[in-house]
Amino acid sequence: MASYVAATRGSRLALAQAHAVISDLKDAVPGTACRELVVRTGGDADRRPLFLMDRRGIFSKEVDGAVLDGRADFAVHSMKDLPTDVHPGLCIACVPRREDACDVLVTGDGSDLGSLREGAVVGTSSLRRAVQISRARPDVVVRPVRGNVETRISRVPGEYDAVVLAAAGIRRLGLEVPHSRLPEAGFVPSPGQGALALVSRKGSPASAALAAIEDRGARREAEAERAFSAAIGSGCRFPVGARATSSGGRISIRAEAFSADGSERVSASASGDDPAAAGRAAAGEMLGRGAARLALNWRQKLEEWNA
């Protein structure tokens, strides 16, 4: 009987994701045994807003380290937390079925963004979401909020009139909270949002076993979005939105970026048969339209905030 150890962060959401992966793997490969190994990361210990943490892989480095040193056979990550340059000894062995990629607005009564009162306080520590909210509703106040999903939800109503979360997190936790979807047309999500990345050592038995729960469409979407991110240089400190969809062997991707004050928006789209090529094409189009200047604008603004 094959037996594997899955490394994961210790938040309730991370554990829910790991348990779902373990359950799916056991169903797909009968006779498989698997348990989780909880690993604390630098991002868990640092309570500052994410955009003030100038480090890559703050939620993945230590978890991948458990795979590299043999304590675990594979790691379970939220795709959006995984840097585009995976350690050379590792690979994304599997991308399982993707959850809903959109953002949602959690309020006390499920009202939508347009129904919030003037001056309402909306919580998010995502620079992308903050700018998107401010552009759609310049009359509300956007403030940082940290903590796990349940902690952020518990602060509504009260300190916050609403918080913005990923729909995937709410669904994976099985939470029933009043919320409304934010339309992707105006709120393009982060690259990789809603997707999971299962990382293992290259050529390992775990890598082969995980192929049983691979979702080809989710893989292609992730490849396009990650290729876009790598080419554009995005992350928590240069917020962009990118969403790819896979259908009938074709991949389409659309993306957007903003200036730090939200006054400028640059968008792009691309499609084709090759996910990585489509992602790079969208990035090239955005760079040609001034995205590099917006990235510099963000770097300067973040240096001011950190001063």
C-alpha atoms as a PDB file:
ATOM      1  CA  MET A   1       0.000   0.000   0.000  1.00  0.00           C
ATOM      2  CA  ALA A   2       1.385   3.397  -1.018  1.00  0.00           C
ATOM      3  CA  SER A   3       1.632   5.942   1.782  1.00  0.00           C
ATOM      4  CA  TYR A   4       2.207   9.679   1.411  1.00  0.00           C
ATOM      5  CA  VAL A   5       2.606  12.762   3.605  1.00  0.00           C
ATOM      6  CA  ALA A   6       1.064  16.055   2.434  1.00  0.00           C
ATOM      7  CA  ALA A   7       2.654  19.266   3.734  1.00  0.00           C
ATOM      8  CA  THR A   8       0.315  22.178   4.340  1.00  0.00           C
ATOM      9  CA  ARG A   9      -0.072  25.385   6.281  1.00  0.00           C
ATOM     10  CA  GLY A  10      -2.096  25.137   9.476  1.00  0.00           C
ATOM     11  CA  SER A  11      -4.978  27.523   8.826  1.00  0.00           C
ATOM     12  CA  ARG A  12      -8.446  26.044   8.695  1.00  0.00           C
ATOM     13  CA  LEU A  13      -8.663  26.821   4.975  1.00  0.00           C
ATOM     14  CA  ALA A  14      -5.276  25.257   4.221  1.00  0.00           C
ATOM     15  CA  LEU A  15      -6.237  22.136   6.163  1.00  0.00           C
ATOM     16  CA  ALA A  16      -9.604  21.941   4.389  1.00  0.00           C
ATOM     17  CA  GLN A  17      -7.780  22.088   1.056  1.00  0.00           C
ATOM     18  CA  ALA A  18      -5.294  19.414   2.110  1.00  0.00           C
ATOM     19  CA  HIS A  19      -8.035  17.132   3.435  1.00  0.00           C
ATOM     20  CA  ALA A  20      -9.991  17.479   0.182  1.00  0.00           C
ATOM     21  CA  VAL A  21      -6.896  16.585  -1.844  1.00  0.00           C
ATOM     22  CA  ILE A  22      -6.154  13.594   0.390  1.00  0.00           C
ATOM     23  CA  SER A  23      -9.745  12.381   0.091  1.00  0.00           C
ATOM     24  CA  ASP A  24      -9.719  12.732  -3.699  1.00  0.00           C
ATOM     25  CA  LEU A  25      -6.377  10.923  -3.947  1.00  0.00           C
ATOM     26  CA  LYS A  26      -7.624   8.018  -1.833  1.00  0.00           C
ATOM     27  CA  ASP A  27     -10.751   7.758  -3.987  1.00  0.00           C
ATOM     28  CA  ALA A  28      -8.778   7.886  -7.241  1.00  0.00           C
ATOM     29  CA  VAL A  29      -6.048   5.461  -6.131  1.00  0.00           C
ATOM     30  CA  PRO A  30      -7.634   2.774  -3.913  1.00  0.00           C
ATOM     31  CA  GLY A  31      -5.386   1.493  -1.160  1.00  0.00           C
ATOM     32  CA  THR A  32      -3.499   4.775  -0.826  1.00  0.00           C
ATOM     33  CA  ALA A  33      -2.755   6.070   2.673  1.00  0.00           C
ATOM     34  CA  CYS A  34      -2.068   9.760   3.213  1.00  0.00           C
ATOM     35  CA  ARG A  35      -1.810  12.164   6.136  1.00  0.00           C
ATOM     36  CA  GLU A  36      -1.026  15.854   6.507  1.00  0.00           C
ATOM     37  CA  LEU A  37       2.035  17.538   7.996  1.00  0.00           C
ATOM     38  CA  VAL A  38       1.389  21.075   9.258  1.00  0.00           C
ATOM     39  CA  VAL A  39       4.190  23.574   8.546  1.00  0.00           C
ATOM     40  CA  ARG A  40       4.318  27.147   9.861  1.00  0.00           C
ATOM     41  CA  THR A  41       5.397  29.733   7.290  1.00  0.00           C
ATOM     42  CA  GLY A  42       6.908  33.194   7.454  1.00  0.00           C
ATOM     43  CA  GLY A  43       3.640  34.663   6.220  1.00  0.00           C
ATOM     44  CA  ASP A  44       1.780  33.071   9.135  1.00  0.00           C
ATOM     45  CA  ALA A  45       4.125  34.704  11.650  1.00  0.00           C
ATOM     46  CA  ASP A  46       4.203  38.174  10.037  1.00  0.00           C
ATOM     47  CA  ARG A  47       0.968  40.070  10.677  1.00  0.00           C
ATOM     48  CA  ARG A  48       1.724  43.060   8.452  1.00  0.00           C
ATOM     49  CA  PRO A  49      -0.398  43.668   5.348  1.00  0.00           C
ATOM     50  CA  LEU A  50       0.790  41.380   2.555  1.00  0.00           C
ATOM     51  CA  PHE A  51       1.882  44.235   0.295  1.00  0.00           C
ATOM     52  CA  LEU A  52       4.422  45.371   2.907  1.00  0.00           C
ATOM     53  CA  MET A  53       6.187  41.985   2.932  1.00  0.00           C
ATOM     54  CA  ASP A  54       8.977  42.233   0.377  1.00  0.00           C
ATOM     55  CA  ARG A  55       9.639  38.490   0.173  1.00  0.00           C
ATOM     56  CA  ARG A  56       8.679  35.870  -2.373  1.00  0.00           C
ATOM     57  CA  GLY A  57       7.029  32.652  -1.310  1.00  0.00           C
ATOM     58  CA  ILE A  58       6.030  33.868   2.148  1.00  0.00           C
ATOM     59  CA  PHE A  59       3.284  31.238   2.311  1.00  0.00           C
ATOM     60  CA  SER A  60       5.043  28.452   0.403  1.00  0.00           C
ATOM     61  CA  LYS A  61       8.813  28.361   1.012  1.00  0.00           C
ATOM     62  CA  GLU A  62       8.742  26.469   4.315  1.00  0.00           C
ATOM     63  CA  VAL A  63       6.030  24.096   3.089  1.00  0.00           C
ATOM     64  CA  ASP A  64       8.068  23.237  -0.002  1.00  0.00           C
ATOM     65  CA  GLY A  65      11.084  22.849   2.282  1.00  0.00           C
ATOM     66  CA  ALA A  66       9.347  19.923   3.973  1.00  0.00           C
ATOM     67  CA  VAL A  67       9.086  18.224   0.571  1.00  0.00           C
ATOM     68  CA  LEU A  68      12.704  18.946  -0.310  1.00  0.00           C
ATOM     69  CA  ASP A  69      14.074  17.552   2.962  1.00  0.00           C
ATOM     70  CA  GLY A  70      11.908  14.428   2.820  1.00  0.00           C
ATOM     71  CA  ARG A  71       9.510  15.128   5.674  1.00  0.00           C
ATOM     72  CA  ALA A  72       6.661  15.246   3.162  1.00  0.00           C
ATOM     73  CA  ASP A  73       5.982  13.731  -0.251  1.00  0.00           C
ATOM     74  CA  PHE A  74       4.039  16.650  -1.669  1.00  0.00           C
ATOM     75  CA  ALA A  75       2.785  20.101  -0.680  1.00  0.00           C
ATOM     76  CA  VAL A  76      -0.692  21.561  -1.050  1.00  0.00           C
ATOM     77  CA  HIS A  77      -0.710  25.248  -1.983  1.00  0.00           C
ATOM     78  CA  SER A  78      -3.185  27.862  -3.071  1.00  0.00           C
ATOM     79  CA  MET A  79      -1.889  28.493  -6.590  1.00  0.00           C
ATOM     80  CA  LYS A  80      -1.881  32.271  -6.112  1.00  0.00           C
ATOM     81  CA  ASP A  81       0.564  31.900  -3.176  1.00  0.00           C
ATOM     82  CA  LEU A  82       3.119  29.947  -5.225  1.00  0.00           C
ATOM     83  CA  PRO A  83       5.932  31.948  -6.893  1.00  0.00           C
ATOM     84  CA  THR A  84       6.297  31.447 -10.632  1.00  0.00           C
ATOM     85  CA  ASP A  85       9.860  30.138 -10.176  1.00  0.00           C
ATOM     86  CA  VAL A  86       9.406  26.807  -8.385  1.00  0.00           C
ATOM     87  CA  HIS A  87      12.552  25.252  -6.830  1.00  0.00           C
ATOM     88  CA  PRO A  88      14.463  23.339  -9.566  1.00  0.00           C
ATOM     89  CA  GLY A  89      14.149  20.075  -7.629  1.00  0.00           C
ATOM     90  CA  LEU A  90      10.376  20.387  -7.465  1.00  0.00           C
ATOM     91  CA  CYS A  91       7.493  20.461  -9.910  1.00  0.00           C
ATOM     92  CA  ILE A  92       3.794  21.238  -9.908  1.00  0.00           C
ATOM     93  CA  ALA A  93       2.822  17.588 -10.101  1.00  0.00           C
ATOM     94  CA  CYS A  94      -0.909  18.203 -10.171  1.00  0.00           C
ATOM     95  CA  VAL A  95      -3.501  20.923 -10.590  1.00  0.00           C
ATOM     96  CA  PRO A  96      -6.805  19.464  -9.367  1.00  0.00           C
ATOM     97  CA  ARG A  97     -10.266  20.783 -10.193  1.00  0.00           C
ATOM     98  CA  ARG A  98     -10.452  24.542  -9.799  1.00  0.00           C
ATOM     99  CA  GLU A  99     -12.952  26.274  -7.548  1.00  0.00           C
ATOM    100  CA  ASP A 100     -14.801  29.491  -8.392  1.00  0.00           C
ATOM    101  CA  ALA A 101     -12.138  32.114  -9.174  1.00  0.00           C
ATOM    102  CA  CYS A 102     -14.208  35.224  -8.452  1.00  0.00           C
ATOM    103  CA  ASP A 103     -14.146  37.611  -5.490  1.00  0.00           C
ATOM    104  CA  VAL A 104     -17.153  38.123  -3.238  1.00  0.00           C
ATOM    105  CA  LEU A 105     -18.283  40.955  -0.971  1.00  0.00           C
ATOM    106  CA  VAL A 106     -19.267  39.726   2.503  1.00  0.00           C
ATOM    107  CA  THR A 107     -21.741  42.000   4.285  1.00  0.00           C
ATOM    108  CA  GLY A 108     -24.125  41.660   7.190  1.00  0.00           C
ATOM    109  CA  ASP A 109     -27.135  41.171   4.931  1.00  0.00           C
ATOM    110  CA  GLY A 110     -25.695  40.040   1.591  1.00  0.00           C
ATOM    111  CA  SER A 111     -26.123  43.428  -0.085  1.00  0.00           C
ATOM    112  CA  ASP A 112     -24.030  44.146  -3.152  1.00  0.00           C
ATOM    113  CA  LEU A 113     -21.316  46.757  -3.626  1.00  0.00           C
ATOM    114  CA  GLY A 114     -23.689  49.284  -5.137  1.00  0.00           C
ATOM    115  CA  SER A 115     -25.936  49.116  -2.074  1.00  0.00           C
ATOM    116  CA  LEU A 116     -23.272  50.068   0.480  1.00  0.00           C
ATOM    117  CA  ARG A 117     -23.797  53.418   2.163  1.00  0.00           C
ATOM    118  CA  GLU A 118     -21.527  56.351   1.406  1.00  0.00           C
ATOM    119  CA  GLY A 119     -18.496  56.155   3.707  1.00  0.00           C
ATOM    120  CA  ALA A 120     -18.905  52.424   4.330  1.00  0.00           C
ATOM    121  CA  VAL A 121     -15.680  50.706   5.439  1.00  0.00           C
ATOM    122  CA  VAL A 122     -14.557  47.816   3.226  1.00  0.00           C
ATOM    123  CA  GLY A 123     -11.731  45.551   4.382  1.00  0.00           C
ATOM    124  CA  THR A 124      -9.056  43.935   2.225  1.00  0.00           C
ATOM    125  CA  SER A 125      -5.274  43.612   2.323  1.00  0.00           C
ATOM    126  CA  SER A 126      -5.112  42.965  -1.423  1.00  0.00           C
ATOM    127  CA  LEU A 127      -3.869  45.997  -3.334  1.00  0.00           C
ATOM    128  CA  ARG A 128      -5.681  44.760  -6.442  1.00  0.00           C
ATOM    129  CA  ARG A 129      -9.014  44.471  -4.637  1.00  0.00           C
ATOM    130  CA  ALA A 130      -8.497  47.810  -2.897  1.00  0.00           C
ATOM    131  CA  VAL A 131      -8.020  49.644  -6.197  1.00  0.00           C
ATOM    132  CA  GLN A 132     -10.882  47.810  -7.902  1.00  0.00           C
ATOM    133  CA  ILE A 133     -13.252  48.650  -5.038  1.00  0.00           C
ATOM    134  CA  SER A 134     -12.143  52.293  -4.974  1.00  0.00           C
ATOM    135  CA  ARG A 135     -12.650  52.637  -8.729  1.00  0.00           C
ATOM    136  CA  ALA A 136     -16.144  51.139  -8.548  1.00  0.00           C
ATOM    137  CA  ARG A 137     -17.139  53.005  -5.375  1.00  0.00           C
ATOM    138  CA  PRO A 138     -14.886  56.016  -4.728  1.00  0.00           C
ATOM    139  CA  ASP A 139     -17.215  57.083  -1.904  1.00  0.00           C
ATOM    140  CA  VAL A 140     -16.393  54.106   0.370  1.00  0.00           C
ATOM    141  CA  VAL A 141     -13.356  53.734   2.642  1.00  0.00           C
ATOM    142  CA  VAL A 142     -10.997  50.812   1.981  1.00  0.00           C
ATOM    143  CA  ARG A 143      -8.896  49.636   4.931  1.00  0.00           C
ATOM    144  CA  PRO A 144      -6.438  46.738   5.393  1.00  0.00           C
ATOM    145  CA  VAL A 145      -7.620  43.616   7.202  1.00  0.00           C
ATOM    146  CA  ARG A 146      -5.574  40.511   8.051  1.00  0.00           C
ATOM    147  CA  GLY A 147      -6.435  37.194   9.617  1.00  0.00           C
ATOM    148  CA  ASN A 148      -7.890  33.928   8.423  1.00  0.00           C
ATOM    149  CA  VAL A 149     -11.176  33.779   6.536  1.00  0.00           C
ATOM    150  CA  GLU A 150     -13.301  33.266   9.642  1.00  0.00           C
ATOM    151  CA  THR A 151     -11.582  36.120  11.509  1.00  0.00           C
ATOM    152  CA  ARG A 152     -12.191  38.553   8.673  1.00  0.00           C
ATOM    153  CA  ILE A 153     -15.829  37.501   8.360  1.00  0.00           C
ATOM    154  CA  SER A 154     -16.348  37.917  12.120  1.00  0.00           C
ATOM    155  CA  ARG A 155     -15.466  41.611  11.848  1.00  0.00           C
ATOM    156  CA  VAL A 156     -18.568  42.253   9.695  1.00  0.00           C
ATOM    157  CA  PRO A 157     -20.712  44.060  10.678  1.00  0.00           C
ATOM    158  CA  GLY A 158     -18.827  46.108  13.234  1.00  0.00           C
ATOM    159  CA  GLU A 159     -15.334  47.347  12.506  1.00  0.00           C
ATOM    160  CA  TYR A 160     -16.041  46.808   8.805  1.00  0.00           C
ATOM    161  CA  ASP A 161     -19.250  47.143   6.817  1.00  0.00           C
ATOM    162  CA  ALA A 162     -17.923  44.590   4.335  1.00  0.00           C
ATOM    163  CA  VAL A 163     -14.846  42.539   3.500  1.00  0.00           C
ATOM    164  CA  VAL A 164     -13.717  41.180   0.152  1.00  0.00           C
ATOM    165  CA  LEU A 165     -12.774  37.497   0.004  1.00  0.00           C
ATOM    166  CA  ALA A 166     -12.182  34.810  -2.587  1.00  0.00           C
ATOM    167  CA  ALA A 167     -15.305  32.765  -3.286  1.00  0.00           C
ATOM    168  CA  ALA A 168     -13.131  29.642  -3.304  1.00  0.00           C
ATOM    169  CA  GLY A 169     -12.177  30.032   0.357  1.00  0.00           C
ATOM    170  CA  ILE A 170     -15.775  30.367   1.495  1.00  0.00           C
ATOM    171  CA  ARG A 171     -16.822  27.333  -0.537  1.00  0.00           C
ATOM    172  CA  ARG A 172     -13.960  25.126   0.583  1.00  0.00           C
ATOM    173  CA  LEU A 173     -14.736  25.923   4.213  1.00  0.00           C
ATOM    174  CA  GLY A 174     -18.427  25.219   3.671  1.00  0.00           C
ATOM    175  CA  LEU A 175     -19.379  28.590   5.151  1.00  0.00           C
ATOM    176  CA  GLU A 176     -22.833  30.056   4.752  1.00  0.00           C
ATOM    177  CA  VAL A 177     -22.418  33.814   5.052  1.00  0.00           C
ATOM    178  CA  PRO A 178     -24.310  36.685   3.419  1.00  0.00           C
ATOM    179  CA  HIS A 179     -22.350  37.730   0.347  1.00  0.00           C
ATOM    180  CA  SER A 180     -22.616  38.902  -3.237  1.00  0.00           C
ATOM    181  CA  ARG A 181     -20.385  38.121  -6.203  1.00  0.00           C
ATOM    182  CA  LEU A 182     -18.179  40.844  -7.614  1.00  0.00           C
ATOM    183  CA  PRO A 183     -18.461  40.669 -11.420  1.00  0.00           C
ATOM    184  CA  GLU A 184     -15.277  39.539 -13.143  1.00  0.00           C
ATOM    185  CA  ALA A 185     -15.791  42.238 -15.764  1.00  0.00           C
ATOM    186  CA  GLY A 186     -14.773  44.870 -13.225  1.00  0.00           C
ATOM    187  CA  PHE A 187     -12.957  42.680 -10.724  1.00  0.00           C
ATOM    188  CA  VAL A 188     -10.565  40.424 -12.625  1.00  0.00           C
ATOM    189  CA  PRO A 189      -9.177  38.064  -9.930  1.00  0.00           C
ATOM    190  CA  SER A 190      -5.563  37.383  -9.003  1.00  0.00           C
ATOM    191  CA  PRO A 191      -3.643  34.945 -11.219  1.00  0.00           C
ATOM    192  CA  GLY A 192      -4.239  31.424  -9.896  1.00  0.00           C
ATOM    193  CA  GLN A 193      -7.152  32.357  -7.631  1.00  0.00           C
ATOM    194  CA  GLY A 194      -9.384  29.369  -6.900  1.00  0.00           C
ATOM    195  CA  ALA A 195      -6.777  26.854  -8.107  1.00  0.00           C
ATOM    196  CA  LEU A 196      -4.549  24.529  -6.075  1.00  0.00           C
ATOM    197  CA  ALA A 197      -0.962  23.505  -6.818  1.00  0.00           C
ATOM    198  CA  LEU A 198       0.307  20.138  -5.586  1.00  0.00           C
ATOM    199  CA  VAL A 199       4.101  20.315  -5.528  1.00  0.00           C
ATOM    200  CA  SER A 200       6.333  17.241  -5.317  1.00  0.00           C
ATOM    201  CA  ARG A 201       9.906  16.195  -6.022  1.00  0.00           C
ATOM    202  CA  LYS A 202      10.494  15.616  -9.708  1.00  0.00           C
ATOM    203  CA  GLY A 203      10.078  11.992 -10.728  1.00  0.00           C
ATOM    204  CA  SER A 204       8.869  10.886  -7.300  1.00  0.00           C
ATOM    205  CA  PRO A 205       6.209   8.204  -6.694  1.00  0.00           C
ATOM    206  CA  ALA A 206       3.960  10.932  -5.294  1.00  0.00           C
ATOM    207  CA  SER A 207       4.264  12.875  -8.534  1.00  0.00           C
ATOM    208  CA  ALA A 208       3.010   9.868 -10.486  1.00  0.00           C
ATOM    209  CA  ALA A 209       0.179   9.155  -8.041  1.00  0.00           C
ATOM    210  CA  LEU A 210      -1.091  12.738  -8.071  1.00  0.00           C
ATOM    211  CA  ALA A 211      -1.663  12.541 -11.819  1.00  0.00           C
ATOM    212  CA  ALA A 212      -4.827  10.602 -10.973  1.00  0.00           C
ATOM    213  CA  ILE A 213      -6.550  13.780  -9.732  1.00  0.00           C
ATOM    214  CA  GLU A 214      -5.224  16.172 -12.376  1.00  0.00           C
ATOM    215  CA  ASP A 215      -7.720  18.482 -14.105  1.00  0.00           C
ATOM    216  CA  ARG A 216      -6.387  19.310 -17.548  1.00  0.00           C
ATOM    217  CA  GLY A 217      -8.481  22.447 -17.965  1.00  0.00           C
ATOM    218  CA  ALA A 218      -7.397  23.834 -14.594  1.00  0.00           C
ATOM    219  CA  ARG A 219      -3.765  23.074 -15.484  1.00  0.00           C
ATOM    220  CA  ARG A 220      -3.998  24.990 -18.748  1.00  0.00           C
ATOM    221  CA  GLU A 221      -5.624  27.977 -17.061  1.00  0.00           C
ATOM    222  CA  ALA A 222      -2.930  28.009 -14.382  1.00  0.00           C
ATOM    223  CA  GLU A 223      -0.158  27.754 -16.980  1.00  0.00           C
ATOM    224  CA  ALA A 224      -1.507  30.777 -18.849  1.00  0.00           C
ATOM    225  CA  GLU A 225      -1.962  32.878 -15.714  1.00  0.00           C
ATOM    226  CA  ARG A 226       1.447  31.953 -14.302  1.00  0.00           C
ATOM    227  CA  ALA A 227       3.159  32.691 -17.627  1.00  0.00           C
ATOM    228  CA  PHE A 228       1.463  36.086 -17.612  1.00  0.00           C
ATOM    229  CA  SER A 229       2.593  36.755 -14.022  1.00  0.00           C
ATOM    230  CA  ALA A 230       6.177  35.752 -14.768  1.00  0.00           C
ATOM    231  CA  ALA A 231       6.340  37.999 -17.829  1.00  0.00           C
ATOM    232  CA  ILE A 232       4.661  41.019 -16.225  1.00  0.00           C
ATOM    233  CA  GLY A 233       6.468  40.712 -12.874  1.00  0.00           C
ATOM    234  CA  SER A 234       3.308  40.759 -10.772  1.00  0.00           C
ATOM    235  CA  GLY A 235       2.783  39.853  -7.135  1.00  0.00           C
ATOM    236  CA  CYS A 236       1.543  41.356  -3.900  1.00  0.00           C
ATOM    237  CA  ARG A 237       3.653  44.473  -4.595  1.00  0.00           C
ATOM    238  CA  PHE A 238       2.454  45.051  -8.185  1.00  0.00           C
ATOM    239  CA  PRO A 239      -1.193  44.044  -8.205  1.00  0.00           C
ATOM    240  CA  VAL A 240      -2.691  42.731 -11.412  1.00  0.00           C
ATOM    241  CA  GLY A 241      -5.714  40.664 -12.277  1.00  0.00           C
ATOM    242  CA  ALA A 242      -5.542  37.807 -14.762  1.00  0.00           C
ATOM    243  CA  ARG A 243      -8.158  35.196 -15.610  1.00  0.00           C
ATOM    244  CA  ALA A 244      -7.763  32.425 -18.155  1.00  0.00           C
ATOM    245  CA  THR A 245     -10.483  30.086 -19.388  1.00  0.00           C
ATOM    246  CA  SER A 246      -9.956  26.810 -21.214  1.00  0.00           C
ATOM    247  CA  SER A 247     -12.469  25.447 -23.703  1.00  0.00           C
ATOM    248  CA  GLY A 248     -12.204  22.988 -26.554  1.00  0.00           C
ATOM    249  CA  GLY A 249      -8.415  23.015 -26.633  1.00  0.00           C
ATOM    250  CA  ARG A 250      -8.282  26.818 -26.770  1.00  0.00           C
ATOM    251  CA  ILE A 251      -7.143  29.103 -23.973  1.00  0.00           C
ATOM    252  CA  SER A 252      -8.239  32.708 -23.520  1.00  0.00           C
ATOM    253  CA  ILE A 253      -6.820  35.139 -20.973  1.00  0.00           C
ATOM    254  CA  ARG A 254      -7.692  38.686 -19.994  1.00  0.00           C
ATOM    255  CA  ALA A 255      -5.772  40.852 -17.595  1.00  0.00           C
ATOM    256  CA  GLU A 256      -5.702  44.305 -16.057  1.00  0.00           C
ATOM    257  CA  ALA A 257      -3.453  46.511 -13.931  1.00  0.00           C
ATOM    258  CA  PHE A 258      -3.891  49.889 -12.284  1.00  0.00           C
ATOM    259  CA  SER A 259      -1.910  52.874 -11.114  1.00  0.00           C
ATOM    260  CA  ALA A 260      -1.491  53.223  -7.340  1.00  0.00           C
ATOM    261  CA  ASP A 261      -4.188  55.898  -7.119  1.00  0.00           C
ATOM    262  CA  GLY A 262      -6.537  53.933  -9.364  1.00  0.00           C
ATOM    263  CA  SER A 263      -6.783  56.685 -11.960  1.00  0.00           C
ATOM    264  CA  GLU A 264      -5.193  54.620 -14.739  1.00  0.00           C
ATOM    265  CA  ARG A 265      -6.098  51.157 -15.989  1.00  0.00           C
ATOM    266  CA  VAL A 266      -4.269  49.032 -18.536  1.00  0.00           C
ATOM    267  CA  SER A 267      -5.897  45.890 -19.904  1.00  0.00           C
ATOM    268  CA  ALA A 268      -5.039  43.163 -22.379  1.00  0.00           C
ATOM    269  CA  SER A 269      -6.311  39.862 -23.707  1.00  0.00           C
ATOM    270  CA  ALA A 270      -4.967  36.988 -25.763  1.00  0.00           C
ATOM    271  CA  SER A 271      -5.983  33.526 -26.900  1.00  0.00           C
ATOM    272  CA  GLY A 272      -4.528  30.502 -28.632  1.00  0.00           C
ATOM    273  CA  ASP A 273      -3.714  26.821 -28.335  1.00  0.00           C
ATOM    274  CA  ASP A 274      -0.633  27.228 -26.114  1.00  0.00           C
ATOM    275  CA  PRO A 275      -1.429  28.447 -22.563  1.00  0.00           C
ATOM    276  CA  ALA A 276       2.044  29.812 -21.807  1.00  0.00           C
ATOM    277  CA  ALA A 277       2.234  31.619 -25.143  1.00  0.00           C
ATOM    278  CA  ALA A 278      -1.183  33.196 -24.553  1.00  0.00           C
ATOM    279  CA  GLY A 279      -0.112  34.369 -21.101  1.00  0.00           C
ATOM    280  CA  ARG A 280       3.098  35.887 -22.432  1.00  0.00           C
ATOM    281  CA  ALA A 281       1.212  37.556 -25.284  1.00  0.00           C
ATOM    282  CA  ALA A 282      -1.197  39.220 -22.844  1.00  0.00           C
ATOM    283  CA  ALA A 283       1.746  40.402 -20.742  1.00  0.00           C
ATOM    284  CA  GLY A 284       3.525  41.773 -23.801  1.00  0.00           C
ATOM    285  CA  GLU A 285       0.419  43.683 -24.813  1.00  0.00           C
ATOM    286  CA  MET A 286       0.087  45.175 -21.330  1.00  0.00           C
ATOM    287  CA  LEU A 287       3.739  46.157 -21.182  1.00  0.00           C
ATOM    288  CA  GLY A 288       3.332  47.837 -24.548  1.00  0.00           C
ATOM    289  CA  ARG A 289       0.447  49.840 -23.131  1.00  0.00           C
ATOM    290  CA  GLY A 290       2.376  51.155 -20.139  1.00  0.00           C
ATOM    291  CA  ALA A 291       2.228  48.463 -17.451  1.00  0.00           C
ATOM    292  CA  ALA A 292       5.941  48.899 -16.649  1.00  0.00           C
ATOM    293  CA  ARG A 293       5.288  52.537 -15.803  1.00  0.00           C
ATOM    294  CA  LEU A 294       2.450  51.482 -13.490  1.00  0.00           C
ATOM    295  CA  ALA A 295       4.745  48.954 -11.793  1.00  0.00           C
ATOM    296  CA  LEU A 296       7.288  51.725 -11.131  1.00  0.00           C
ATOM    297  CA  ASN A 297       4.484  53.882  -9.748  1.00  0.00           C
ATOM    298  CA  TRP A 298       3.590  51.094  -7.302  1.00  0.00           C
ATOM    299  CA  ARG A 299       7.207  50.588  -6.210  1.00  0.00           C
ATOM    300  CA  GLN A 300       7.555  54.285  -5.444  1.00  0.00           C
ATOM    301  CA  LYS A 301       4.289  54.341  -3.507  1.00  0.00           C
ATOM    302  CA  LEU A 302       5.239  51.275  -1.453  1.00  0.00           C
ATOM    303  CA  GLU A 303       8.614  52.817  -0.608  1.00  0.00           C
ATOM    304  CA  GLU A 304       6.737  55.840   0.747  1.00  0.00           C
ATOM    305  CA  TRP A 305       4.482  53.603   2.865  1.00  0.00           C
ATOM    306  CA  ASN A 306       7.486  51.689   4.200  1.00  0.00           C
ATOM    307  CA  ALA A 307       9.499  54.831   5.000  1.00  0.00           C
END
